[in-house]
Protein backbone atom coordinates (compact mmCIF):
# COMPACT_ATOMS: atom_id res chain seq x y z
CA UNK A 1 -7.58 1.85 -5.32
CA UNK A 2 -5.51 -1.14 -3.56
CA UNK A 3 -2.45 -1.11 -4.03
CA UNK A 4 1.00 -2.85 -2.24
CA UNK A 5 1.80 -5.86 -4.58
CA UNK A 6 1.44 -3.72 -7.63
CA UNK A 7 4.46 -2.67 -9.76
CA UNK A 8 7.03 -4.68 -7.78
CA UNK A 9 9.31 -4.53 -10.81
CA UNK A 10 10.22 -0.95 -9.87
CA UNK A 11 12.21 -2.40 -6.95
CA UNK A 12 14.64 -4.02 -9.38
CA UNK A 13 17.66 -1.87 -10.35
CA UNK A 14 17.59 -0.72 -13.94
CA UNK A 15 21.28 -1.27 -14.65
CA UNK A 16 23.13 -3.09 -17.29
CA UNK A 17 24.21 -6.68 -16.76
CA UNK A 18 27.84 -6.90 -15.82
CA UNK A 19 28.70 -10.54 -16.26
CA UNK A 20 30.45 -9.90 -19.60
CA UNK A 21 34.23 -10.10 -19.37
CA UNK A 22 36.22 -6.95 -19.79
CA UNK A 23 39.73 -8.36 -19.50
CA UNK A 24 41.45 -6.22 -22.09
CA UNK A 25 43.48 -3.44 -20.42
CA UNK A 26 42.73 -1.00 -23.20
CA UNK A 27 38.97 -1.65 -22.93
CA UNK A 28 39.10 -1.17 -19.16
CA UNK A 29 40.96 2.10 -19.63
CA UNK A 30 38.21 3.36 -21.93
CA UNK A 31 34.99 2.19 -20.24
CA UNK A 32 36.18 1.25 -16.79
CA UNK A 33 36.12 -2.03 -14.94
CA UNK A 34 32.82 -3.88 -14.68
CA UNK A 35 30.65 -3.22 -11.59
CA UNK A 36 30.84 -6.79 -10.33
CA UNK A 37 33.65 -8.67 -12.01
CA UNK A 38 34.76 -12.09 -10.96
CA UNK A 39 38.48 -12.55 -10.34
CA UNK A 40 40.09 -13.87 -13.55
CA UNK A 41 42.49 -16.77 -13.60
CA UNK A 42 46.05 -15.91 -14.48
CA UNK A 43 47.09 -16.93 -17.95
CA UNK A 44 49.33 -19.96 -17.94
CA UNK A 45 48.13 -21.14 -14.55
CA UNK A 46 47.21 -24.50 -15.98
CA UNK A 47 50.59 -24.75 -17.62
CA UNK A 48 52.33 -24.07 -14.29
CA UNK A 49 50.29 -26.80 -12.66
CA UNK A 50 51.34 -29.24 -15.36
CA UNK A 51 55.01 -28.30 -14.91
CA UNK A 52 54.72 -29.00 -11.21
CA UNK A 53 53.11 -32.31 -12.03
CA UNK A 54 56.08 -33.22 -14.30
CA UNK A 55 58.60 -32.23 -11.65
CA UNK A 56 56.76 -34.29 -9.10
CA UNK A 57 56.76 -37.27 -11.45
CA UNK A 58 60.50 -36.98 -12.07
CA UNK A 59 61.30 -36.67 -8.40
CA UNK A 60 59.16 -39.64 -7.46
CA UNK A 61 60.33 -41.80 -10.35
CA UNK A 62 63.04 -43.54 -8.26
CA UNK A 63 61.86 -46.69 -6.49
CA UNK A 64 61.80 -46.67 -2.74
CA UNK A 65 64.66 -48.44 -1.01
CA UNK A 66 63.70 -50.82 1.72
CA UNK A 67 66.35 -51.94 4.23
CA UNK A 68 65.83 -55.39 5.65
CA UNK A 69 67.84 -56.48 8.62
CA UNK A 70 69.91 -59.74 8.20
CA UNK A 71 72.11 -61.88 10.41
CA UNK A 72 75.91 -61.41 10.34
CA UNK A 73 77.61 -64.05 8.19
CA UNK A 74 81.08 -64.63 7.04
CA UNK A 75 79.93 -64.44 3.43
CA UNK A 76 80.49 -61.22 1.58
CA UNK A 77 77.48 -59.39 0.16
CA UNK A 78 76.93 -59.53 -3.54
CA UNK A 79 77.29 -56.21 -5.28
CA UNK A 80 73.88 -54.52 -6.12
CA UNK A 81 73.03 -54.39 -9.79
CA UNK A 82 71.87 -51.39 -11.79
CA UNK A 83 68.61 -49.58 -10.73
CA UNK A 84 65.59 -50.64 -12.74
CA UNK A 85 63.87 -47.84 -14.65
CA UNK A 86 60.21 -47.13 -13.71
CA UNK A 87 58.78 -46.88 -17.19
CA UNK A 88 55.28 -46.05 -15.93
CA UNK A 89 56.33 -42.87 -14.18
CA UNK A 90 58.61 -41.95 -17.05
CA UNK A 91 55.79 -42.28 -19.53
CA UNK A 92 53.51 -40.11 -17.41
CA UNK A 93 56.16 -37.43 -17.21
CA UNK A 94 56.67 -37.42 -20.96
CA UNK A 95 52.98 -37.07 -21.58
CA UNK A 96 52.79 -34.20 -19.10
CA UNK A 97 55.59 -32.38 -20.91
CA UNK A 98 53.73 -32.74 -24.18
CA UNK A 99 50.53 -31.43 -22.58
CA UNK A 100 52.40 -28.44 -21.14
CA UNK A 101 53.80 -27.62 -24.53
CA UNK A 102 50.41 -27.92 -26.21
CA UNK A 103 48.76 -25.75 -23.55
CA UNK A 104 51.38 -23.07 -23.97
CA UNK A 105 50.89 -23.07 -27.71
CA UNK A 106 47.06 -22.82 -27.31
CA UNK A 107 47.37 -19.93 -24.86
CA UNK A 108 49.67 -18.15 -27.26
CA UNK A 109 47.18 -18.56 -30.06
CA UNK A 110 44.41 -17.13 -27.87
CA UNK A 111 46.51 -14.10 -26.94
CA UNK A 112 47.48 -13.55 -30.53
CA UNK A 113 43.90 -13.78 -31.76
CA UNK A 114 42.33 -11.56 -29.00
CA UNK A 115 40.30 -8.62 -30.39
CA UNK A 116 39.50 -5.85 -27.88
CA UNK A 117 36.94 -4.26 -30.17
CA UNK A 118 35.04 -7.54 -30.49
CA UNK A 119 35.00 -7.96 -26.71
CA UNK A 120 33.70 -4.41 -26.36
CA UNK A 121 30.88 -5.12 -28.81
CA UNK A 122 29.80 -8.07 -26.66
CA UNK A 123 29.76 -5.82 -23.59
CA UNK A 124 27.76 -3.20 -25.46
CA UNK A 125 25.18 -5.75 -26.59
CA UNK A 126 24.76 -7.11 -23.05
CA UNK A 127 24.34 -3.62 -21.56
CA UNK A 128 21.84 -2.65 -24.25
CA UNK A 129 19.76 -5.78 -23.56
CA UNK A 130 19.66 -5.02 -19.84
CA UNK A 131 18.72 -1.40 -20.49
CA UNK A 132 15.92 -2.41 -22.87
CA UNK A 133 14.46 -4.74 -20.24
CA UNK A 134 14.53 -1.98 -17.61
CA UNK A 135 12.89 0.44 -20.04
CA UNK A 136 10.05 -2.00 -20.71
CA UNK A 137 9.56 -2.51 -16.97
CA UNK A 138 9.40 1.24 -16.31
CA UNK A 139 6.96 1.79 -19.16
CA UNK A 140 4.67 -0.97 -17.88
CA UNK A 141 4.79 0.42 -14.33
CA UNK A 142 3.97 3.93 -15.56
CA UNK A 143 0.98 2.62 -17.50
CA UNK A 144 -0.32 0.68 -14.50
CA UNK A 145 -0.10 3.72 -12.23
CA UNK A 146 -2.00 5.84 -14.73
CA UNK A 147 -4.68 3.16 -14.99
CA UNK A 148 -4.89 2.95 -11.19
CA UNK A 149 -5.57 6.67 -10.90
CA UNK A 150 -8.16 6.61 -13.68
CA UNK A 151 -9.97 3.64 -12.13
CA UNK A 152 -9.94 5.20 -8.66
CA UNK A 153 -11.53 8.40 -9.94
CA UNK A 154 -14.21 6.42 -11.76
CA UNK A 155 -14.98 4.25 -8.71
CA UNK A 156 -15.20 7.16 -6.28
CA UNK A 157 -17.72 9.08 -8.38
CA UNK A 158 -20.77 6.87 -7.55
CA UNK A 159 -19.74 6.81 -3.88
CA UNK A 160 -19.78 10.60 -3.82
CA UNK A 161 -23.25 10.62 -5.39
CA UNK A 162 -24.60 8.01 -2.96
CA UNK A 163 -23.30 9.94 0.06
CA UNK A 164 -24.95 13.10 -1.23
CA UNK A 165 -28.27 11.29 -1.45
CA UNK A 166 -28.05 10.40 2.24
CA UNK A 167 -28.09 14.08 3.14
CA UNK A 168 -31.28 16.04 3.84
CA UNK A 169 -33.26 17.23 0.84
CA UNK A 170 -36.56 18.89 0.06
CA UNK A 171 -38.23 15.48 -0.02
CA UNK A 172 -36.91 13.93 3.16
CA UNK A 173 -34.66 14.42 6.15
CA UNK A 174 -31.14 13.03 6.29
CA UNK A 175 -30.78 9.26 6.39
CA UNK A 176 -27.40 9.15 8.18
CA UNK A 177 -25.70 10.80 11.11
CA UNK A 178 -25.04 14.37 9.92
CA UNK A 179 -21.55 14.68 11.43
CA UNK A 180 -20.37 11.29 10.16
CA UNK A 181 -21.88 11.97 6.75
CA UNK A 182 -20.12 15.32 6.45
CA UNK A 183 -16.76 13.70 7.31
CA UNK A 184 -17.29 10.99 4.70
CA UNK A 185 -18.17 13.48 1.98
CA UNK A 186 -15.09 15.54 2.83
CA UNK A 187 -12.92 12.40 2.64
CA UNK A 188 -14.17 11.55 -0.85
CA UNK A 189 -13.66 15.10 -2.09
CA UNK A 190 -10.10 15.20 -0.72
CA UNK A 191 -9.32 11.80 -2.24
CA UNK A 192 -10.53 12.80 -5.68
CA UNK A 193 -8.65 16.11 -5.52
CA UNK A 194 -5.44 14.31 -4.59
CA UNK A 195 -5.76 11.89 -7.49
CA UNK A 196 -6.51 14.65 -9.96
CA UNK A 197 -3.43 16.59 -8.84
CA UNK A 198 -1.09 13.60 -9.09
CA UNK A 199 1.48 13.98 -11.87
CA UNK A 200 2.79 10.68 -13.22
CA UNK A 201 6.38 10.96 -14.51
CA UNK A 202 6.68 10.68 -18.27
CA UNK A 203 8.34 7.50 -19.47
CA UNK A 204 11.77 7.98 -21.03
CA UNK A 205 12.29 7.52 -24.73
CA UNK A 206 13.86 4.17 -25.65
CA UNK A 207 17.66 4.20 -25.98
CA UNK A 208 19.07 4.16 -29.48
CA UNK A 209 22.62 3.06 -30.16
CA UNK A 210 23.19 5.34 -33.09
CA UNK A 211 26.15 4.97 -35.41
CA UNK A 212 28.89 2.76 -33.97
CA UNK A 213 32.00 1.48 -35.74
CA UNK A 214 32.29 -1.98 -34.25
CA UNK A 215 35.83 -2.35 -35.58
CA UNK A 216 37.08 0.60 -33.54
CA UNK A 217 37.41 0.19 -29.81
CA UNK A 218 36.98 3.92 -29.14
CA UNK A 219 33.65 4.03 -30.97
CA UNK A 220 32.28 0.99 -29.16
CA UNK A 221 33.50 2.31 -25.81
CA UNK A 222 31.71 5.60 -26.42
CA UNK A 223 28.47 3.69 -27.09
CA UNK A 224 28.94 1.74 -23.84
CA UNK A 225 29.28 5.01 -21.93
CA UNK A 226 26.04 6.28 -23.47
CA UNK A 227 24.25 3.10 -22.36
CA UNK A 228 25.51 3.57 -18.81
CA UNK A 229 24.32 7.19 -18.79
CA UNK A 230 20.90 6.07 -20.00
CA UNK A 231 20.82 3.44 -17.25
CA UNK A 232 21.52 6.11 -14.63
CA UNK A 233 18.72 8.29 -15.98
CA UNK A 234 16.41 5.28 -15.95
CA UNK A 235 17.25 4.65 -12.29
CA UNK A 236 16.29 8.23 -11.44
CA UNK A 237 13.01 7.93 -13.35
CA UNK A 238 12.21 4.70 -11.53
CA UNK A 239 12.80 6.39 -8.16
CA UNK A 240 10.50 9.26 -9.14
CA UNK A 241 7.76 6.89 -10.25
CA UNK A 242 8.12 4.90 -7.03
CA UNK A 243 7.64 8.11 -5.00
CA UNK A 244 4.48 8.94 -6.93
CA UNK A 245 3.11 5.45 -6.44
CA UNK A 246 3.75 5.68 -2.68
CA UNK A 247 1.75 8.93 -2.52
CA UNK A 248 -1.18 7.34 -4.36
CA UNK A 249 -1.08 4.36 -2.00
CA UNK A 250 -1.24 6.74 0.97
CA UNK A 251 -4.32 8.43 -0.51
CA UNK A 252 -6.00 5.04 -0.92
CA UNK A 253 -5.25 4.01 2.64
CA UNK A 254 -6.66 7.22 4.14
CA UNK A 255 -9.73 7.13 1.90
CA UNK A 256 -10.72 3.54 2.62
CA UNK A 257 -10.15 4.00 6.35
CA UNK A 258 -12.42 7.05 6.58
CA UNK A 259 -15.20 5.36 4.61
CA UNK A 260 -14.96 2.29 6.83
CA UNK A 261 -15.48 4.54 9.86
CA UNK A 262 -18.56 6.03 8.24
CA UNK A 263 -19.96 2.59 7.45
CA UNK A 264 -19.64 1.65 11.12
CA UNK A 265 -21.64 4.74 12.13
CA UNK A 266 -24.64 3.48 10.12
CA UNK A 267 -25.09 0.59 12.53
CA UNK A 268 -25.73 2.94 15.45
CA UNK A 269 -27.89 5.15 13.25
CA UNK A 270 -30.05 2.17 12.25
CA UNK A 271 -30.68 1.34 15.91
CA UNK A 272 -31.70 4.93 16.62
CA UNK A 273 -34.11 4.93 13.67
CA UNK A 274 -35.75 1.70 14.79
CA UNK A 275 -36.31 3.18 18.23
CA UNK A 276 -37.69 6.43 16.78
CA UNK A 277 -40.30 4.70 14.61
CA UNK A 278 -41.71 1.85 16.72
CA UNK A 279 -45.18 1.80 15.13
CA UNK A 280 -43.95 0.32 11.85
CA UNK A 281 -43.98 -3.42 11.41
CA UNK A 282 -40.94 -5.34 12.66
CA UNK A 283 -40.03 -6.37 9.13
CA UNK A 284 -39.21 -2.76 8.26
CA UNK A 285 -36.90 -2.40 11.27
CA UNK A 286 -35.20 -5.65 10.35
CA UNK A 287 -34.64 -4.35 6.84
CA UNK A 288 -32.90 -1.24 8.18
CA UNK A 289 -30.61 -3.34 10.38
CA UNK A 290 -29.76 -5.68 7.52
CA UNK A 291 -28.99 -2.76 5.19
CA UNK A 292 -26.58 -1.24 7.74
CA UNK A 293 -24.81 -4.59 8.09
CA UNK A 294 -24.49 -4.87 4.31
CA UNK A 295 -22.83 -1.46 4.08
CA UNK A 296 -20.30 -2.47 6.71
CA UNK A 297 -19.46 -5.66 4.80
CA UNK A 298 -19.11 -3.95 1.39
CA UNK A 299 -16.01 -1.95 0.43
CA UNK A 300 -17.10 1.59 -0.32
CA UNK A 301 -14.84 2.02 -3.34
CA UNK A 302 -17.08 1.36 -6.30
CA UNK A 303 -20.50 0.54 -7.67
CA UNK A 304 -21.15 -2.17 -5.08
CA UNK A 305 -20.56 0.25 -2.21
CA UNK A 306 -22.78 2.89 -3.81
CA UNK A 307 -25.58 0.32 -4.20
CA UNK A 308 -25.27 -0.66 -0.52
CA UNK A 309 -25.57 2.98 0.57
CA UNK A 310 -28.63 3.49 -1.65
CA UNK A 311 -30.25 0.36 -0.19
CA UNK A 312 -29.72 1.68 3.35
CA UNK A 313 -31.27 5.02 2.47
CA UNK A 314 -34.31 3.30 0.91
CA UNK A 315 -34.75 1.08 3.98
CA UNK A 316 -34.74 4.06 6.35
CA UNK A 317 -37.21 5.98 4.21
CA UNK A 318 -39.48 2.93 3.97
CA UNK A 319 -39.42 2.59 7.77
CA UNK A 320 -40.46 6.20 8.21
CA UNK A 321 -43.21 5.98 5.60
CA UNK A 322 -44.60 2.81 7.13
CA UNK A 323 -44.56 4.29 10.62
CA UNK A 324 -46.46 7.34 9.35
CA UNK A 325 -48.94 5.22 7.43
CA UNK A 326 -49.78 3.10 10.48
CA UNK A 327 -50.16 6.17 12.66
CA UNK A 328 -52.56 7.76 10.19
CA UNK A 329 -54.65 4.59 10.11
CA UNK A 330 -54.84 4.46 13.89
CA UNK A 331 -55.90 8.12 14.06
CA UNK A 332 -58.64 7.57 11.49
CA UNK A 333 -59.93 4.60 13.47
CA UNK A 334 -60.10 6.67 16.64
CA UNK A 335 -62.09 9.40 14.88
CA UNK A 336 -64.46 6.85 13.40
CA UNK A 337 -65.06 5.37 16.82
CA UNK A 338 -66.01 8.76 18.23
CA UNK A 339 -68.41 9.45 15.38
CA UNK A 340 -70.26 6.19 15.92
CA UNK A 341 -71.26 7.20 19.49
CA UNK A 342 -73.62 10.03 18.21
CA UNK A 343 -73.80 13.73 19.29
CA UNK A 344 -75.19 14.76 22.77
CA UNK A 345 -77.45 17.97 22.88
CA UNK A 346 -76.72 20.13 25.94
CA UNK A 347 -79.63 21.61 28.07
CA UNK A 348 -79.79 25.44 27.76
CA UNK A 349 -79.75 27.59 30.92
CA UNK A 350 -83.14 29.47 31.71
CA UNK A 351 -83.29 33.24 31.14
CA UNK A 352 -84.75 35.08 34.22
CA UNK A 353 -85.99 37.99 32.09
CA UNK A 354 -88.31 35.83 30.09
CA UNK A 355 -91.59 34.26 31.30
CA UNK A 356 -91.72 30.61 31.31
CA UNK A 357 -93.88 29.79 28.30
CA UNK A 358 -95.29 26.79 30.13
CA UNK A 359 -96.74 28.94 32.99
CA UNK A 360 -100.24 30.78 32.82
CA UNK A 361 -101.97 33.45 35.06
CA UNK A 362 -104.08 31.57 37.62
CA UNK A 363 -106.55 34.59 38.11
CA UNK A 364 -108.23 35.16 41.49
CA UNK A 365 -107.16 33.15 44.39
CA UNK A 366 -109.02 29.95 44.04
CA UNK A 367 -109.45 29.75 47.79
CA UNK A 368 -111.58 33.04 47.96
CA UNK A 369 -115.24 33.00 47.31
CA UNK A 370 -116.76 35.62 45.02
CA UNK A 371 -118.12 38.70 46.83
CA UNK A 372 -115.87 38.24 49.76
CA UNK A 373 -114.09 41.35 50.89
CA UNK A 374 -110.45 40.66 50.89
CA UNK A 375 -109.53 44.03 52.45
CA UNK A 376 -107.62 43.82 55.63
CA UNK A 377 -110.09 45.01 58.43
CA UNK A 378 -107.30 46.59 60.33
CA UNK A 379 -106.55 49.09 57.61
CA UNK A 380 -108.71 52.17 56.98
CA UNK A 381 -109.03 52.57 53.28
CA UNK A 382 -111.56 55.54 53.39
CA UNK A 383 -110.39 58.71 51.78
CA UNK A 384 -110.35 61.38 54.53
CA UNK A 385 -111.25 64.09 52.09
CA UNK A 386 -114.38 62.41 50.95
CA UNK A 387 -116.67 63.73 53.83
CA UNK A 388 -115.68 67.36 53.38
CA UNK A 389 -117.24 67.73 50.02
């Protein structure tokens, strides 16, 4: 859940426009001077300028006198005639006097026809329009923040499930570094808890003018004060919403950073798995490497990130299964090779207590003739008691 370009309208002050004139002293006494009021021109300033223009025309109406040097003569100078009237300047002066008089009359009519209550109604309408625009902006910002939180919770749910499937189970061992996986799961849980505990400020109710007597200055001024109070409350609500949005942005930043760290750990884990299962075909090891790269390139903040994690898990499990399958085949081939050589019967050891069945009694010595006395002649075999009987 982004987030820095969103809801920039909260940075605009929710105050009433102040370009409406409030020149009436009574109106200023009731509602105060405007926040940013341009300096008014003094009444009759144009008339004063025209008077100065007339005076300047009268002063400059006389023709300039030019003295020309002449030689001394005995003749007397002719007397100078009357000064000629400059009708052009005179005409301009007369017109200026007429304009001054007309301007003064027009200014008097304006002063006579001024209506403080009507001016106050214009100020009230301008302030109400500004307040309504600020209210719409705050309502839209509140709605966007609520939608951001809802979307973030929905996007983090499949990520939490995918991380849980990387852990060890009854069917298989873990398919990610245990320490890195535990940190990632903790990050997701903390992120979701923070979002669920976030309280979005309630949008203020729209301002209503109520009953105002537009012909009475006091009634209109009271309505203007109520608009200004509503603008102040709207400013405070905007500040509160901005604080909440900043906290949500901080949660997003921490969450995405921790998941990016976990994604990086899968690259090293993929290398370790490829080294641990070298019997599998190279295509399976390449698939594990490619899956780890895909996780790194995919933001882990939604369905796409969950799918990338699931693909990595499947690639690791496929590598292990293939390595085991090849090893079992090789073992079966070795056993078959040993069986094809045939069994070898061992020779039993002879028992000394038993007669060799292949041996027979040879009888008398074959080298002795029958009837031959085989008694040793040196031994007396006669019984000594035989002669005494």
